[in-house]
Protein backbone atom coordinates (compact mmCIF):
# COMPACT_ATOMS: atom_id res chain seq x y z
CA MET A 1 128.23 62.03 131.11
CA ARG A 2 125.41 60.52 128.97
CA THR A 3 122.84 62.44 130.90
CA ASN A 4 124.69 65.69 130.26
CA ARG A 5 124.75 65.12 126.53
CA LYS A 6 121.07 64.36 126.55
CA THR A 7 120.45 67.52 128.49
CA ALA A 8 122.57 69.61 126.17
CA VAL A 9 120.89 68.04 122.92
CA THR A 10 117.35 68.76 124.55
CA LEU A 11 118.25 72.23 125.51
CA ALA A 12 119.66 73.13 122.22
CA ALA A 13 116.55 71.72 120.49
CA VAL A 14 114.36 73.82 122.83
CA LEU A 15 116.49 77.02 122.05
CA LEU A 16 116.15 76.45 118.37
CA ALA A 17 112.40 75.87 118.57
CA ALA A 18 112.03 79.11 120.50
CA ALA A 19 114.05 81.05 118.05
CA ALA A 20 112.24 79.78 114.99
CA PRO A 21 108.92 81.79 115.64
CA ALA A 22 111.02 85.06 116.04
CA ALA A 23 112.74 84.38 112.76
CA ALA A 24 109.39 83.91 111.05
CA GLN A 25 107.89 86.95 112.42
CA ALA A 26 110.92 89.03 110.81
CA SER A 27 109.97 88.01 107.32
CA PRO A 28 106.82 89.37 105.50
CA SER A 29 103.81 87.35 105.90
CA THR A 30 100.54 87.92 104.22
CA GLU A 31 99.00 84.71 105.23
CA SER A 32 98.32 85.64 108.79
CA GLY A 33 97.07 89.08 107.74
CA THR A 34 99.66 90.90 110.00
CA ALA A 35 102.86 91.73 108.08
CA PRO A 36 105.79 93.84 109.48
CA SER A 37 105.62 97.52 109.14
CA ALA A 38 106.83 99.13 105.94
CA CYS A 39 108.27 102.06 108.13
CA ARG A 40 110.94 99.64 109.72
CA PRO A 41 114.27 100.57 108.16
CA ALA A 42 114.89 96.86 106.92
CA ASN A 43 111.50 96.79 105.17
CA HIS A 44 112.02 99.64 102.64
CA THR A 45 114.40 101.10 100.10
CA ALA A 46 115.40 104.66 99.64
CA LYS A 47 117.13 106.42 96.68
CA ILE A 48 118.40 110.05 96.26
CA THR A 49 117.88 111.76 93.01
CA GLU A 50 118.50 115.40 91.94
CA ALA A 51 115.28 117.56 91.70
CA PRO A 52 114.59 120.89 90.04
CA ALA A 53 116.42 123.80 91.67
CA SER A 54 114.71 126.79 93.19
CA ALA A 55 115.91 130.37 93.63
CA GLY A 56 119.13 130.10 95.67
CA HIS A 57 118.93 126.26 96.30
CA HIS A 58 119.76 122.88 94.88
CA HIS A 59 117.17 120.22 95.59
CA TYR A 60 117.47 116.41 96.01
CA ARG A 61 114.58 114.00 96.42
CA VAL A 62 114.77 111.01 98.74
CA THR A 63 112.24 108.46 97.63
CA LEU A 64 111.05 105.64 99.83
CA ARG A 65 109.58 102.38 98.46
CA ALA A 66 108.22 99.37 100.34
CA PRO A 67 107.93 95.94 98.40
CA ARG A 68 104.73 93.92 98.63
CA GLY A 69 104.36 91.83 101.87
CA TYR A 70 104.50 94.71 104.22
CA ASP A 71 101.84 96.58 106.01
CA PRO A 72 101.37 100.26 105.36
CA CYS A 73 102.06 102.80 108.02
CA GLU A 74 101.99 106.55 108.76
CA LEU A 75 104.96 108.93 108.54
CA ALA A 76 105.03 112.51 109.63
CA GLY A 77 107.23 115.48 109.25
CA SER A 78 110.96 115.50 108.35
CA PRO A 79 113.21 112.62 109.27
CA ASN A 80 115.46 113.24 112.27
CA ASP A 81 119.29 112.66 112.73
CA VAL A 82 120.04 113.15 109.05
CA ARG A 83 123.64 112.51 108.38
CA PHE A 84 125.61 112.38 105.02
CA THR A 85 128.55 110.27 104.10
CA ASP A 86 130.97 110.08 101.16
CA ARG A 87 132.72 106.92 100.45
CA GLY A 88 132.10 105.69 103.97
CA SER A 89 133.36 108.86 105.65
CA GLN A 90 130.80 111.09 107.42
CA THR A 91 130.71 114.77 106.42
CA ARG A 92 130.52 117.47 109.06
CA ILE A 93 127.25 118.80 107.72
CA THR A 94 124.19 118.55 109.90
CA ALA A 95 120.68 119.33 108.59
CA GLY A 96 117.78 121.38 109.92
CA ARG A 97 114.15 120.91 108.73
CA TYR A 98 111.50 123.06 107.28
CA GLY A 99 107.74 122.64 106.54
CA ASP A 100 104.80 121.30 108.23
CA GLN A 101 106.08 118.73 110.86
CA ARG A 102 102.65 117.44 111.73
CA ALA A 103 101.05 116.39 108.44
CA ALA A 104 101.09 112.53 108.20
CA VAL A 105 101.26 110.44 104.91
CA THR A 106 100.62 106.85 104.39
CA PHE A 107 103.55 104.72 103.28
CA GLY A 108 103.59 101.09 102.15
CA PRO A 109 103.54 98.91 99.01
CA GLY A 110 102.16 100.92 96.06
CA HIS A 111 102.32 104.13 98.03
CA PRO A 112 105.94 105.57 97.94
CA VAL A 113 106.72 108.85 99.77
CA HIS A 114 109.50 111.27 99.46
CA PHE A 115 111.22 114.07 101.23
CA ASP A 116 113.28 117.01 99.91
CA ILE A 117 116.87 117.95 100.78
CA GLN A 118 117.41 121.61 100.10
CA VAL A 119 120.94 122.94 99.80
CA PRO A 120 122.00 126.59 99.64
CA ASN A 121 123.77 127.48 96.38
CA ASP A 122 126.06 130.15 98.09
CA ALA A 123 127.53 127.83 100.65
CA ARG A 124 130.64 125.63 100.33
CA GLN A 125 129.26 122.33 99.10
CA VAL A 126 130.77 118.92 99.75
CA SER A 127 130.02 115.69 98.02
CA ALA A 128 128.18 112.81 99.45
CA ASP A 129 126.89 109.45 98.13
CA GLU A 130 124.64 108.41 101.09
CA ALA A 131 122.24 109.90 103.67
CA SER A 132 121.15 108.14 106.87
CA PHE A 133 118.04 109.18 108.83
CA THR A 134 115.48 108.24 111.35
CA LEU A 135 111.93 108.28 110.31
CA ARG A 136 109.08 109.78 112.30
CA ALA A 137 105.48 108.70 112.83
CA PRO A 138 102.94 111.04 114.09
CA ASP A 139 103.35 109.85 117.61
CA GLY A 140 107.19 109.79 117.63
CA GLN A 141 110.34 108.31 116.10
CA ILE A 142 110.42 105.03 114.44
CA PRO A 143 113.47 102.95 115.95
CA GLY A 144 116.34 102.28 113.50
CA THR A 145 118.23 104.06 110.94
CA SER A 146 117.33 104.17 107.17
CA PHE A 147 119.84 104.74 104.40
CA ALA A 148 119.47 106.22 100.96
CA GLU A 149 122.09 106.03 98.18
CA GLY A 150 122.68 108.58 95.38
CA GLY A 151 125.03 111.28 94.46
CA LEU A 152 124.39 114.75 96.02
CA LYS A 153 126.27 117.88 97.34
CA VAL A 154 125.57 119.27 100.94
CA ALA A 155 126.55 122.49 102.69
CA THR A 156 125.98 124.33 105.89
CA GLY A 157 122.35 125.39 105.94
CA THR A 158 121.05 122.23 104.35
CA LEU A 159 117.44 121.65 105.24
CA ILE A 160 115.11 118.57 105.20
CA GLY A 161 111.59 118.99 104.08
CA PRO A 162 108.51 116.93 105.48
CA MET A 163 107.43 113.58 104.07
CA GLN A 164 104.95 113.95 101.01
CA GLN A 165 102.97 111.34 98.96
CA GLY A 166 104.26 110.13 95.72
CA ALA A 167 107.53 109.12 94.25
């Protein structure tokens, strides 16, 4: 029985030691020169704010910011799989996209980016307080779901614009 305890303690120590480097890689590190990407959903924040209206549409701006300690990355086009929720309940609204889907922008600390949510005025609008979406890089989707909070109204015919530089 004593050998089994020693084996169990040794095995636990080995497993903890193996898990430690993985945990260290998940946090930002500037000492090694290779930090995690700002494009990963856990490494940025996003906020929805009202933007100036255009003829026939309400507009909302979703601004993404990355704190210091993350590597810049490239984003392209409009986010995919955009979903809207209100107080935790998903709306039935799905969004299309518009604009240049190939143009790339640099995103990272000190380089915020944004995209537009365009909502038709003449459609029946529903309230939402959160949007979830999947970011796109020039060569494909970035794994994971990003979330943005802020009050907005969405409707059938809502469109998502491409990523643009600036806040």
